[in-house]
Amino acid sequence: MRIAIIGTGAMGSVYAALLADAGHDVWAIDAWPEHVAAMRERGLRVEGASGDRTVRLNASERASDVERADLVIIATKADGVADAARSVEPILGSDTVVLTIQNGLGSAERVAEILGTERVMIGVVGGFGASMKGPGHAHHNGMEFMRLGEYEGSVSERLERTAEVWRSGGFKVLTFDDIHKMVWEKLICNVTYSGTCTLTGLTVGQVQASEEAWSVASGCGREAYEVAVASAINLSFDDPVAYVKAFGEKIPNARPSMLLDHLAGRHSEIDVINGAIPPAAKKVGRDAPINRMVSTLIRAKESGFTTGN
C-alpha cells in the first residue's frame, strides 16, 4: 500500500518508520528541510518501545511528489491540518482514505470540510510519548492503542482494512462505531493536565501531588466532562475526576506536549485543547471558567514568544 504521511514530527515519524518496516510504500512529507534531507540520506531512525530501527523510505517537502496514495495520514499539529488537507488533493484517488490524527477538537471537521466527510477517518492515539532527537531521528516511550473510526458511520469494511494496515506495523488497534466519543475521552484527560502542567512547569504526577495544582487540573477535566455530557457524547465513565486521576497515575513523570512546546519557546495547541472547552460549553448553554482562565494565561505567555516558533 502506498501511504503518504503528512507531518513527520515525532509521532508521524513513528508511524512512518513502523509502516515502512512492514513493507508499505511510505512517503514522509514534512516542511523541515533538514529532517527530509536526513531521511533521504540516512533513512529514518526510530527507537524506543518498538525497538531501534533505521528504515529507508521516500521523503519530500511536497505532497504532490507522491502521485497517487492509497492512504493519507495527516499527522500535523492542529494548526496545520487545513493546509495539509489542501496539499493532498492532487494525490487522492477515488477510494483514497484520509486518516487525520491530532489532539483536541476540530481538526477532523476542518479536513472533512475540505476533502469531504465520506473519505475521512479519525485516529485517537495515546501513550506513545514521542519526541524528536534530531533530523531523521525520533524516540517514543510507549506503544499503546491506536483507536480508529469513520468520521461518519459505524465500523466499515474499509475501516477494518485500514486497521489491518496499522496492525501490520505492530500497532495495537481498536475500531469504534463512535470515534467522536473517544476524541472526547482523550480530550478530557488532555485538558486536565496540559494547561496546568504548562503553567506550573510540573509533571503529571507533581500536579496530582499538589493540592493547589490539582484543584485547577481536576476542575478543567470536570468542566470538559460536563460539556461532553451536555453535548450528548456517550462517555464510558461517570466520575471524571476518578477517570483522569487513574489516567495520570499511569504516567506520573510525563510532561504534556503543550509544556514541551513552551519549554522550546513554541506556540502550543491551546486553542484545540483547553481553549476548545469554553466555545463548546457556550453551544450547550454552559460555561467553562477554569478552562477559559487557563487558556487566557497560556495565550498571555505565548504572546512573548518569538514569532514563527
C-alpha atoms as a PDB file:
ATOM      1  CA  MET A   1       0.000   0.000   0.000  1.00  0.00           C
ATOM      2  CA  ARG A   2       1.232   3.492  -0.820  1.00  0.00           C
ATOM      3  CA  ILE A   3       0.922   5.640   2.297  1.00  0.00           C
ATOM      4  CA  ALA A   4       1.546   9.386   2.454  1.00  0.00           C
ATOM      5  CA  ILE A   5       2.168  10.737   5.949  1.00  0.00           C
ATOM      6  CA  ILE A   6       1.762  14.492   6.085  1.00  0.00           C
ATOM      7  CA  GLY A   7       3.708  15.832   9.036  1.00  0.00           C
ATOM      8  CA  THR A   8       6.518  13.560  10.192  1.00  0.00           C
ATOM      9  CA  GLY A   9       7.361  15.103  13.502  1.00  0.00           C
ATOM     10  CA  ALA A  10       7.775  12.799  16.469  1.00  0.00           C
ATOM     11  CA  MET A  11       4.522  10.852  16.144  1.00  0.00           C
ATOM     12  CA  GLY A  12       4.451  10.978  12.356  1.00  0.00           C
ATOM     13  CA  SER A  13       7.978   9.556  12.295  1.00  0.00           C
ATOM     14  CA  VAL A  14       6.927   6.625  14.473  1.00  0.00           C
ATOM     15  CA  TYR A  15       4.047   5.915  12.088  1.00  0.00           C
ATOM     16  CA  ALA A  16       6.289   6.229   9.036  1.00  0.00           C
ATOM     17  CA  ALA A  17       9.111   4.023  10.290  1.00  0.00           C
ATOM     18  CA  LEU A  18       6.958   1.163  11.530  1.00  0.00           C
ATOM     19  CA  LEU A  19       4.691   1.139   8.473  1.00  0.00           C
ATOM     20  CA  ALA A  20       7.685   1.288   6.101  1.00  0.00           C
ATOM     21  CA  ASP A  21       9.395  -1.501   8.024  1.00  0.00           C
ATOM     22  CA  ALA A  22       6.248  -3.580   7.467  1.00  0.00           C
ATOM     23  CA  GLY A  23       6.800  -3.310   3.715  1.00  0.00           C
ATOM     24  CA  HIS A  24       4.462  -0.482   2.751  1.00  0.00           C
ATOM     25  CA  ASP A  25       5.485   2.189   0.243  1.00  0.00           C
ATOM     26  CA  VAL A  26       5.670   5.093   2.684  1.00  0.00           C
ATOM     27  CA  TRP A  27       6.149   8.727   1.789  1.00  0.00           C
ATOM     28  CA  ALA A  28       7.216  11.025   4.638  1.00  0.00           C
ATOM     29  CA  ILE A  29       6.118  14.598   3.858  1.00  0.00           C
ATOM     30  CA  ASP A  30       7.424  17.355   6.103  1.00  0.00           C
ATOM     31  CA  ALA A  31       8.215  21.070   5.974  1.00  0.00           C
ATOM     32  CA  TRP A  32      11.503  20.699   7.946  1.00  0.00           C
ATOM     33  CA  PRO A  33      14.177  20.633   5.206  1.00  0.00           C
ATOM     34  CA  GLU A  34      16.919  19.150   7.394  1.00  0.00           C
ATOM     35  CA  HIS A  35      14.627  16.346   8.510  1.00  0.00           C
ATOM     36  CA  VAL A  36      13.662  15.499   4.941  1.00  0.00           C
ATOM     37  CA  ALA A  37      17.320  15.595   3.859  1.00  0.00           C
ATOM     38  CA  ALA A  38      18.364  13.295   6.708  1.00  0.00           C
ATOM     39  CA  MET A  39      15.633  10.772   5.862  1.00  0.00           C
ATOM     40  CA  ARG A  40      16.733  10.760   2.223  1.00  0.00           C
ATOM     41  CA  GLU A  41      20.432  10.407   3.017  1.00  0.00           C
ATOM     42  CA  ARG A  42      20.470   8.109   6.055  1.00  0.00           C
ATOM     43  CA  GLY A  43      16.944   6.792   6.410  1.00  0.00           C
ATOM     44  CA  LEU A  44      14.557   7.372   9.313  1.00  0.00           C
ATOM     45  CA  ARG A  45      15.650   6.086  12.718  1.00  0.00           C
ATOM     46  CA  VAL A  46      13.030   5.392  15.375  1.00  0.00           C
ATOM     47  CA  GLU A  47      13.969   3.972  18.772  1.00  0.00           C
ATOM     48  CA  GLY A  48      12.088   3.261  21.962  1.00  0.00           C
ATOM     49  CA  ALA A  49       9.221   0.957  22.866  1.00  0.00           C
ATOM     50  CA  SER A  50       9.115  -0.590  19.376  1.00  0.00           C
ATOM     51  CA  GLY A  51      12.851  -1.285  19.288  1.00  0.00           C
ATOM     52  CA  ASP A  52      15.586   0.543  17.402  1.00  0.00           C
ATOM     53  CA  ARG A  53      15.447   0.593  13.625  1.00  0.00           C
ATOM     54  CA  THR A  54      16.529   2.699  10.694  1.00  0.00           C
ATOM     55  CA  VAL A  55      14.324   2.347   7.638  1.00  0.00           C
ATOM     56  CA  ARG A  56      14.547   3.601   4.107  1.00  0.00           C
ATOM     57  CA  LEU A  57      11.523   5.414   2.736  1.00  0.00           C
ATOM     58  CA  ASN A  58      10.581   8.225   0.397  1.00  0.00           C
ATOM     59  CA  ALA A  59      10.830  11.744   1.828  1.00  0.00           C
ATOM     60  CA  SER A  60       9.791  15.089   0.397  1.00  0.00           C
ATOM     61  CA  GLU A  61       8.658  18.574   1.353  1.00  0.00           C
ATOM     62  CA  ARG A  62       5.825  18.344  -1.204  1.00  0.00           C
ATOM     63  CA  ALA A  63       2.821  16.027  -1.069  1.00  0.00           C
ATOM     64  CA  SER A  64       2.425  16.352  -4.840  1.00  0.00           C
ATOM     65  CA  ASP A  65       5.558  14.189  -5.311  1.00  0.00           C
ATOM     66  CA  VAL A  66       3.591  11.152  -4.143  1.00  0.00           C
ATOM     67  CA  GLU A  67       1.396  10.983  -7.266  1.00  0.00           C
ATOM     68  CA  ARG A  68      -1.442   8.704  -6.032  1.00  0.00           C
ATOM     69  CA  ALA A  69      -1.807   7.453  -2.449  1.00  0.00           C
ATOM     70  CA  ASP A  70      -3.975   4.618  -1.122  1.00  0.00           C
ATOM     71  CA  LEU A  71      -3.915   6.018   2.405  1.00  0.00           C
ATOM     72  CA  VAL A  72      -3.150   9.561   3.551  1.00  0.00           C
ATOM     73  CA  ILE A  73      -2.327  10.134   7.215  1.00  0.00           C
ATOM     74  CA  ILE A  74      -2.453  13.753   8.376  1.00  0.00           C
ATOM     75  CA  ALA A  75      -0.228  13.917  11.456  1.00  0.00           C
ATOM     76  CA  THR A  76       0.464  17.639  11.622  1.00  0.00           C
ATOM     77  CA  LYS A  77      -0.408  19.759  14.622  1.00  0.00           C
ATOM     78  CA  ALA A  78      -3.916  21.175  14.657  1.00  0.00           C
ATOM     79  CA  ASP A  79      -2.929  24.497  13.103  1.00  0.00           C
ATOM     80  CA  GLY A  80      -1.528  22.699  10.065  1.00  0.00           C
ATOM     81  CA  VAL A  81      -4.419  20.414   9.155  1.00  0.00           C
ATOM     82  CA  ALA A  82      -6.193  22.741   6.725  1.00  0.00           C
ATOM     83  CA  ASP A  83      -3.038  23.338   4.671  1.00  0.00           C
ATOM     84  CA  ALA A  84      -2.250  19.620   4.831  1.00  0.00           C
ATOM     85  CA  ALA A  85      -5.714  18.697   3.572  1.00  0.00           C
ATOM     86  CA  ARG A  86      -5.462  21.100   0.662  1.00  0.00           C
ATOM     87  CA  SER A  87      -1.968  19.857  -0.199  1.00  0.00           C
ATOM     88  CA  VAL A  88      -3.092  16.247  -0.642  1.00  0.00           C
ATOM     89  CA  GLU A  89      -5.996  16.898  -3.019  1.00  0.00           C
ATOM     90  CA  PRO A  90      -3.831  16.168  -6.128  1.00  0.00           C
ATOM     91  CA  ILE A  91      -2.774  12.740  -4.804  1.00  0.00           C
ATOM     92  CA  LEU A  92      -6.221  11.426  -3.920  1.00  0.00           C
ATOM     93  CA  GLY A  93      -7.768   8.630  -5.909  1.00  0.00           C
ATOM     94  CA  SER A  94     -11.472   7.818  -5.912  1.00  0.00           C
ATOM     95  CA  ASP A  95     -11.072   5.418  -2.971  1.00  0.00           C
ATOM     96  CA  THR A  96      -8.185   7.051  -1.080  1.00  0.00           C
ATOM     97  CA  VAL A  97      -8.795   7.161   2.672  1.00  0.00           C
ATOM     98  CA  VAL A  98      -7.664  10.230   4.638  1.00  0.00           C
ATOM     99  CA  LEU A  99      -6.972   9.489   8.284  1.00  0.00           C
ATOM    100  CA  THR A 100      -6.410  12.524  10.496  1.00  0.00           C
ATOM    101  CA  ILE A 101      -4.755  12.162  13.908  1.00  0.00           C
ATOM    102  CA  GLN A 102      -4.500  15.231  16.147  1.00  0.00           C
ATOM    103  CA  ASN A 103      -5.022  16.317  19.733  1.00  0.00           C
ATOM    104  CA  GLY A 104      -8.096  18.250  20.771  1.00  0.00           C
ATOM    105  CA  LEU A 105     -11.254  19.260  18.959  1.00  0.00           C
ATOM    106  CA  GLY A 106     -11.954  20.489  15.456  1.00  0.00           C
ATOM    107  CA  SER A 107      -9.190  19.078  13.257  1.00  0.00           C
ATOM    108  CA  ALA A 108     -11.244  16.316  11.657  1.00  0.00           C
ATOM    109  CA  GLU A 109     -14.003  18.814  10.933  1.00  0.00           C
ATOM    110  CA  ARG A 110     -11.560  21.057   9.060  1.00  0.00           C
ATOM    111  CA  VAL A 111     -10.302  18.139   6.966  1.00  0.00           C
ATOM    112  CA  ALA A 112     -13.839  16.975   6.220  1.00  0.00           C
ATOM    113  CA  GLU A 113     -14.873  20.457   5.085  1.00  0.00           C
ATOM    114  CA  ILE A 114     -12.057  20.476   2.539  1.00  0.00           C
ATOM    115  CA  LEU A 115     -11.974  16.857   1.358  1.00  0.00           C
ATOM    116  CA  GLY A 116     -15.496  15.619   2.114  1.00  0.00           C
ATOM    117  CA  THR A 117     -16.785  13.628   5.051  1.00  0.00           C
ATOM    118  CA  GLU A 118     -17.083  10.430   3.031  1.00  0.00           C
ATOM    119  CA  ARG A 119     -13.330   9.801   2.770  1.00  0.00           C
ATOM    120  CA  VAL A 120     -12.273  10.914   6.276  1.00  0.00           C
ATOM    121  CA  MET A 121     -11.403   8.706   9.231  1.00  0.00           C
ATOM    122  CA  ILE A 122     -10.320   9.792  12.712  1.00  0.00           C
ATOM    123  CA  GLY A 123      -7.491   8.347  14.775  1.00  0.00           C
ATOM    124  CA  VAL A 124      -7.055   8.743  18.527  1.00  0.00           C
ATOM    125  CA  VAL A 125      -3.738   7.654  19.999  1.00  0.00           C
ATOM    126  CA  GLY A 126      -2.225   7.791  23.439  1.00  0.00           C
ATOM    127  CA  GLY A 127       0.672   6.534  25.491  1.00  0.00           C
ATOM    128  CA  PHE A 128       3.441   6.976  22.908  1.00  0.00           C
ATOM    129  CA  GLY A 129       5.332   9.912  24.450  1.00  0.00           C
ATOM    130  CA  ALA A 130       7.267  10.624  21.264  1.00  0.00           C
ATOM    131  CA  SER A 131       9.968  13.237  20.732  1.00  0.00           C
ATOM    132  CA  MET A 132      12.475  14.207  18.066  1.00  0.00           C
ATOM    133  CA  LYS A 133      16.131  13.594  18.840  1.00  0.00           C
ATOM    134  CA  GLY A 134      17.208  15.426  15.707  1.00  0.00           C
ATOM    135  CA  PRO A 135      16.663  15.369  11.941  1.00  0.00           C
ATOM    136  CA  GLY A 136      15.805  11.847  10.844  1.00  0.00           C
ATOM    137  CA  HIS A 137      15.727  10.515  14.414  1.00  0.00           C
ATOM    138  CA  ALA A 138      12.680  10.024  16.686  1.00  0.00           C
ATOM    139  CA  HIS A 139      12.118   8.309  20.030  1.00  0.00           C
ATOM    140  CA  HIS A 140       8.984   7.044  21.763  1.00  0.00           C
ATOM    141  CA  ASN A 141       8.467   5.822  25.315  1.00  0.00           C
ATOM    142  CA  GLY A 142       5.314   3.771  24.881  1.00  0.00           C
ATOM    143  CA  MET A 143       3.161   1.985  22.350  1.00  0.00           C
ATOM    144  CA  GLU A 144      -0.424   1.848  23.492  1.00  0.00           C
ATOM    145  CA  PHE A 145      -3.627   1.622  21.473  1.00  0.00           C
ATOM    146  CA  MET A 146      -4.482   3.274  18.181  1.00  0.00           C
ATOM    147  CA  ARG A 147      -8.242   3.896  18.066  1.00  0.00           C
ATOM    148  CA  LEU A 148      -9.838   4.308  14.643  1.00  0.00           C
ATOM    149  CA  GLY A 149     -13.293   5.219  13.406  1.00  0.00           C
ATOM    150  CA  GLU A 150     -15.152   6.589  10.418  1.00  0.00           C
ATOM    151  CA  TYR A 151     -15.884  10.317  10.559  1.00  0.00           C
ATOM    152  CA  GLU A 152     -19.441   9.377   9.669  1.00  0.00           C
ATOM    153  CA  GLY A 153     -20.968   5.962  10.161  1.00  0.00           C
ATOM    154  CA  SER A 154     -20.108   2.822  12.055  1.00  0.00           C
ATOM    155  CA  VAL A 155     -17.332   0.256  11.655  1.00  0.00           C
ATOM    156  CA  SER A 156     -16.957  -0.467   7.942  1.00  0.00           C
ATOM    157  CA  GLU A 157     -15.042  -2.901   5.769  1.00  0.00           C
ATOM    158  CA  ARG A 158     -12.584  -0.184   4.711  1.00  0.00           C
ATOM    159  CA  LEU A 159     -12.078   0.792   8.360  1.00  0.00           C
ATOM    160  CA  GLU A 160     -11.122  -2.784   9.171  1.00  0.00           C
ATOM    161  CA  ARG A 161      -8.760  -2.836   6.174  1.00  0.00           C
ATOM    162  CA  THR A 162      -7.141   0.356   7.418  1.00  0.00           C
ATOM    163  CA  ALA A 163      -6.811  -1.139  10.896  1.00  0.00           C
ATOM    164  CA  GLU A 164      -5.020  -4.158   9.414  1.00  0.00           C
ATOM    165  CA  VAL A 165      -2.507  -1.849   7.754  1.00  0.00           C
ATOM    166  CA  TRP A 166      -1.639  -0.402  11.167  1.00  0.00           C
ATOM    167  CA  ARG A 167      -1.523  -3.837  12.766  1.00  0.00           C
ATOM    168  CA  SER A 168       0.992  -4.919  10.132  1.00  0.00           C
ATOM    169  CA  GLY A 169       3.316  -2.264  11.583  1.00  0.00           C
ATOM    170  CA  GLY A 170       2.994  -3.655  15.094  1.00  0.00           C
ATOM    171  CA  PHE A 171       0.382  -1.185  16.347  1.00  0.00           C
ATOM    172  CA  LYS A 172      -2.395  -2.306  18.686  1.00  0.00           C
ATOM    173  CA  VAL A 173      -5.598  -1.143  17.006  1.00  0.00           C
ATOM    174  CA  LEU A 174      -9.205  -0.900  18.130  1.00  0.00           C
ATOM    175  CA  THR A 175     -12.060   0.176  15.848  1.00  0.00           C
ATOM    176  CA  PHE A 176     -15.124   2.058  17.060  1.00  0.00           C
ATOM    177  CA  ASP A 177     -18.635   2.776  15.876  1.00  0.00           C
ATOM    178  CA  ASP A 178     -18.452   6.202  17.583  1.00  0.00           C
ATOM    179  CA  ILE A 179     -14.928   7.585  17.379  1.00  0.00           C
ATOM    180  CA  HIS A 180     -16.118  11.033  18.491  1.00  0.00           C
ATOM    181  CA  LYS A 181     -16.670   9.553  21.945  1.00  0.00           C
ATOM    182  CA  MET A 182     -13.005   8.530  22.037  1.00  0.00           C
ATOM    183  CA  VAL A 183     -11.942  12.014  20.931  1.00  0.00           C
ATOM    184  CA  TRP A 184     -13.764  13.477  23.926  1.00  0.00           C
ATOM    185  CA  GLU A 185     -12.464  10.882  26.377  1.00  0.00           C
ATOM    186  CA  LYS A 186      -8.893  11.709  25.379  1.00  0.00           C
ATOM    187  CA  LEU A 187      -9.656  15.439  25.385  1.00  0.00           C
ATOM    188  CA  ILE A 188     -10.930  15.302  28.969  1.00  0.00           C
ATOM    189  CA  CYS A 189      -7.566  13.861  30.033  1.00  0.00           C
ATOM    190  CA  ASN A 190      -5.659  16.379  27.922  1.00  0.00           C
ATOM    191  CA  VAL A 191      -7.433  19.422  29.338  1.00  0.00           C
ATOM    192  CA  THR A 192      -6.825  18.137  32.854  1.00  0.00           C
ATOM    193  CA  TYR A 193      -3.055  18.098  32.550  1.00  0.00           C
ATOM    194  CA  SER A 194      -1.956  20.111  29.514  1.00  0.00           C
ATOM    195  CA  GLY A 195      -2.732  23.639  30.651  1.00  0.00           C
ATOM    196  CA  THR A 196      -1.939  23.097  34.327  1.00  0.00           C
ATOM    197  CA  CYS A 197       1.415  21.401  33.673  1.00  0.00           C
ATOM    198  CA  THR A 198       2.325  24.133  31.202  1.00  0.00           C
ATOM    199  CA  LEU A 199       1.529  26.974  33.589  1.00  0.00           C
ATOM    200  CA  THR A 200       3.279  25.369  36.557  1.00  0.00           C
ATOM    201  CA  GLY A 201       6.118  23.509  34.855  1.00  0.00           C
ATOM    202  CA  LEU A 202       5.154  20.395  36.839  1.00  0.00           C
ATOM    203  CA  THR A 203       4.930  16.812  35.624  1.00  0.00           C
ATOM    204  CA  VAL A 204       1.613  14.959  35.676  1.00  0.00           C
ATOM    205  CA  GLY A 205       2.488  13.281  38.975  1.00  0.00           C
ATOM    206  CA  GLN A 206       3.583  16.538  40.550  1.00  0.00           C
ATOM    207  CA  VAL A 207       0.287  18.168  39.567  1.00  0.00           C
ATOM    208  CA  GLN A 208      -1.578  15.318  41.261  1.00  0.00           C
ATOM    209  CA  ALA A 209       0.553  15.723  44.386  1.00  0.00           C
ATOM    210  CA  SER A 210      -0.093  19.472  44.670  1.00  0.00           C
ATOM    211  CA  GLU A 211      -3.431  20.377  46.242  1.00  0.00           C
ATOM    212  CA  GLU A 212      -3.465  23.751  44.507  1.00  0.00           C
ATOM    213  CA  ALA A 213      -2.440  22.468  41.065  1.00  0.00           C
ATOM    214  CA  TRP A 214      -4.795  19.503  41.293  1.00  0.00           C
ATOM    215  CA  SER A 215      -7.745  21.737  42.097  1.00  0.00           C
ATOM    216  CA  VAL A 216      -7.166  23.571  38.809  1.00  0.00           C
ATOM    217  CA  ALA A 217      -6.388  20.440  36.779  1.00  0.00           C
ATOM    218  CA  SER A 218      -9.353  18.410  38.024  1.00  0.00           C
ATOM    219  CA  GLY A 219     -11.596  21.447  37.575  1.00  0.00           C
ATOM    220  CA  CYS A 220     -10.588  21.637  33.914  1.00  0.00           C
ATOM    221  CA  GLY A 221     -11.381  17.944  33.452  1.00  0.00           C
ATOM    222  CA  ARG A 222     -14.713  18.210  35.241  1.00  0.00           C
ATOM    223  CA  GLU A 223     -15.800  21.140  33.062  1.00  0.00           C
ATOM    224  CA  ALA A 224     -14.888  19.245  29.887  1.00  0.00           C
ATOM    225  CA  TYR A 225     -16.831  16.202  31.101  1.00  0.00           C
ATOM    226  CA  GLU A 226     -19.917  18.315  31.807  1.00  0.00           C
ATOM    227  CA  VAL A 227     -19.740  19.868  28.333  1.00  0.00           C
ATOM    228  CA  ALA A 228     -19.405  16.421  26.720  1.00  0.00           C
ATOM    229  CA  VAL A 229     -22.438  15.104  28.591  1.00  0.00           C
ATOM    230  CA  ALA A 230     -24.459  18.203  27.685  1.00  0.00           C
ATOM    231  CA  SER A 231     -23.389  17.668  24.055  1.00  0.00           C
ATOM    232  CA  ALA A 232     -24.871  14.140  24.120  1.00  0.00           C
ATOM    233  CA  ILE A 233     -21.482  12.400  23.951  1.00  0.00           C
ATOM    234  CA  ASN A 234     -21.930   8.861  25.300  1.00  0.00           C
ATOM    235  CA  LEU A 235     -18.893   8.637  27.580  1.00  0.00           C
ATOM    236  CA  SER A 236     -17.846   5.352  29.180  1.00  0.00           C
ATOM    237  CA  PHE A 237     -17.485   6.784  32.721  1.00  0.00           C
ATOM    238  CA  ASP A 238     -19.483   8.944  35.107  1.00  0.00           C
ATOM    239  CA  ASP A 239     -16.779  10.105  37.541  1.00  0.00           C
ATOM    240  CA  PRO A 240     -14.462  12.401  35.597  1.00  0.00           C
ATOM    241  CA  VAL A 241     -12.089  13.119  38.481  1.00  0.00           C
ATOM    242  CA  ALA A 242     -11.510   9.429  39.178  1.00  0.00           C
ATOM    243  CA  TYR A 243     -11.073   8.825  35.433  1.00  0.00           C
ATOM    244  CA  VAL A 244      -8.418  11.496  34.882  1.00  0.00           C
ATOM    245  CA  LYS A 245      -6.664  10.615  38.144  1.00  0.00           C
ATOM    246  CA  ALA A 246      -6.341   6.969  37.094  1.00  0.00           C
ATOM    247  CA  PHE A 247      -5.066   8.098  33.685  1.00  0.00           C
ATOM    248  CA  GLY A 248      -2.437  10.356  35.246  1.00  0.00           C
ATOM    249  CA  GLU A 249      -1.257   7.737  37.722  1.00  0.00           C
ATOM    250  CA  LYS A 250      -0.027   5.650  34.787  1.00  0.00           C
ATOM    251  CA  ILE A 251       2.274   8.456  33.549  1.00  0.00           C
ATOM    252  CA  PRO A 252       3.495  10.364  36.635  1.00  0.00           C
ATOM    253  CA  ASN A 253       6.733  11.537  35.017  1.00  0.00           C
ATOM    254  CA  ALA A 254       5.115  12.701  31.795  1.00  0.00           C
ATOM    255  CA  ARG A 255       5.273  16.281  30.585  1.00  0.00           C
ATOM    256  CA  PRO A 256       2.437  17.072  28.147  1.00  0.00           C
ATOM    257  CA  SER A 257       3.315  18.205  24.640  1.00  0.00           C
ATOM    258  CA  MET A 258       1.974  21.665  25.463  1.00  0.00           C
ATOM    259  CA  LEU A 259       4.589  22.038  28.210  1.00  0.00           C
ATOM    260  CA  LEU A 260       7.302  20.763  25.866  1.00  0.00           C
ATOM    261  CA  ASP A 261       6.232  23.365  23.308  1.00  0.00           C
ATOM    262  CA  HIS A 262       6.605  26.141  25.875  1.00  0.00           C
ATOM    263  CA  LEU A 263       9.981  24.871  27.056  1.00  0.00           C
ATOM    264  CA  ALA A 264      11.097  25.128  23.417  1.00  0.00           C
ATOM    265  CA  GLY A 265       9.545  28.579  23.011  1.00  0.00           C
ATOM    266  CA  ARG A 266       6.901  27.305  20.591  1.00  0.00           C
ATOM    267  CA  HIS A 267       3.239  28.224  20.424  1.00  0.00           C
ATOM    268  CA  SER A 268       1.073  25.358  21.651  1.00  0.00           C
ATOM    269  CA  GLU A 269      -2.203  23.741  20.661  1.00  0.00           C
ATOM    270  CA  ILE A 270      -4.070  25.549  23.440  1.00  0.00           C
ATOM    271  CA  ASP A 271      -6.928  26.575  21.125  1.00  0.00           C
ATOM    272  CA  VAL A 272      -7.949  22.961  20.438  1.00  0.00           C
ATOM    273  CA  ILE A 273      -7.388  21.630  23.970  1.00  0.00           C
ATOM    274  CA  ASN A 274      -8.297  23.791  26.998  1.00  0.00           C
ATOM    275  CA  GLY A 275      -9.273  26.617  24.669  1.00  0.00           C
ATOM    276  CA  ALA A 276     -11.818  24.431  22.883  1.00  0.00           C
ATOM    277  CA  ILE A 277     -13.937  23.899  26.003  1.00  0.00           C
ATOM    278  CA  PRO A 278     -15.412  27.414  26.514  1.00  0.00           C
ATOM    279  CA  PRO A 279     -16.856  27.697  22.967  1.00  0.00           C
ATOM    280  CA  ALA A 280     -18.138  24.110  23.139  1.00  0.00           C
ATOM    281  CA  ALA A 281     -19.734  24.962  26.501  1.00  0.00           C
ATOM    282  CA  LYS A 282     -21.410  28.036  25.052  1.00  0.00           C
ATOM    283  CA  LYS A 283     -23.061  25.926  22.334  1.00  0.00           C
ATOM    284  CA  VAL A 284     -24.868  23.895  25.004  1.00  0.00           C
ATOM    285  CA  GLY A 285     -25.707  26.796  27.307  1.00  0.00           C
ATOM    286  CA  ARG A 286     -22.924  26.175  29.823  1.00  0.00           C
ATOM    287  CA  ASP A 287     -19.795  27.972  30.988  1.00  0.00           C
ATOM    288  CA  ALA A 288     -16.209  26.758  31.493  1.00  0.00           C
ATOM    289  CA  PRO A 289     -14.477  29.454  33.587  1.00  0.00           C
ATOM    290  CA  ILE A 290     -11.495  27.367  34.706  1.00  0.00           C
ATOM    291  CA  ASN A 291     -10.568  26.311  31.172  1.00  0.00           C
ATOM    292  CA  ARG A 292     -11.129  29.860  29.976  1.00  0.00           C
ATOM    293  CA  MET A 293      -8.758  31.285  32.590  1.00  0.00           C
ATOM    294  CA  VAL A 294      -6.115  28.610  31.926  1.00  0.00           C
ATOM    295  CA  SER A 295      -6.354  29.275  28.178  1.00  0.00           C
ATOM    296  CA  THR A 296      -6.079  33.024  28.686  1.00  0.00           C
ATOM    297  CA  LEU A 297      -2.932  32.622  30.782  1.00  0.00           C
ATOM    298  CA  ILE A 298      -1.357  30.248  28.242  1.00  0.00           C
ATOM    299  CA  ARG A 299      -2.039  32.702  25.424  1.00  0.00           C
ATOM    300  CA  ALA A 300      -0.583  35.506  27.528  1.00  0.00           C
ATOM    301  CA  LYS A 301       2.644  33.513  27.951  1.00  0.00           C
ATOM    302  CA  GLU A 302       2.774  32.763  24.245  1.00  0.00           C
ATOM    303  CA  SER A 303       2.392  36.436  23.331  1.00  0.00           C
ATOM    304  CA  GLY A 304       6.002  36.850  24.393  1.00  0.00           C
ATOM    305  CA  PHE A 305       7.327  34.011  22.259  1.00  0.00           C
ATOM    306  CA  THR A 306       9.409  34.735  19.186  1.00  0.00           C
ATOM    307  CA  THR A 307       7.236  34.944  16.075  1.00  0.00           C
ATOM    308  CA  GLY A 308       7.415  31.801  13.975  1.00  0.00           C
ATOM    309  CA  ASN A 309       8.205  29.365  16.793  1.00  0.00           C
END
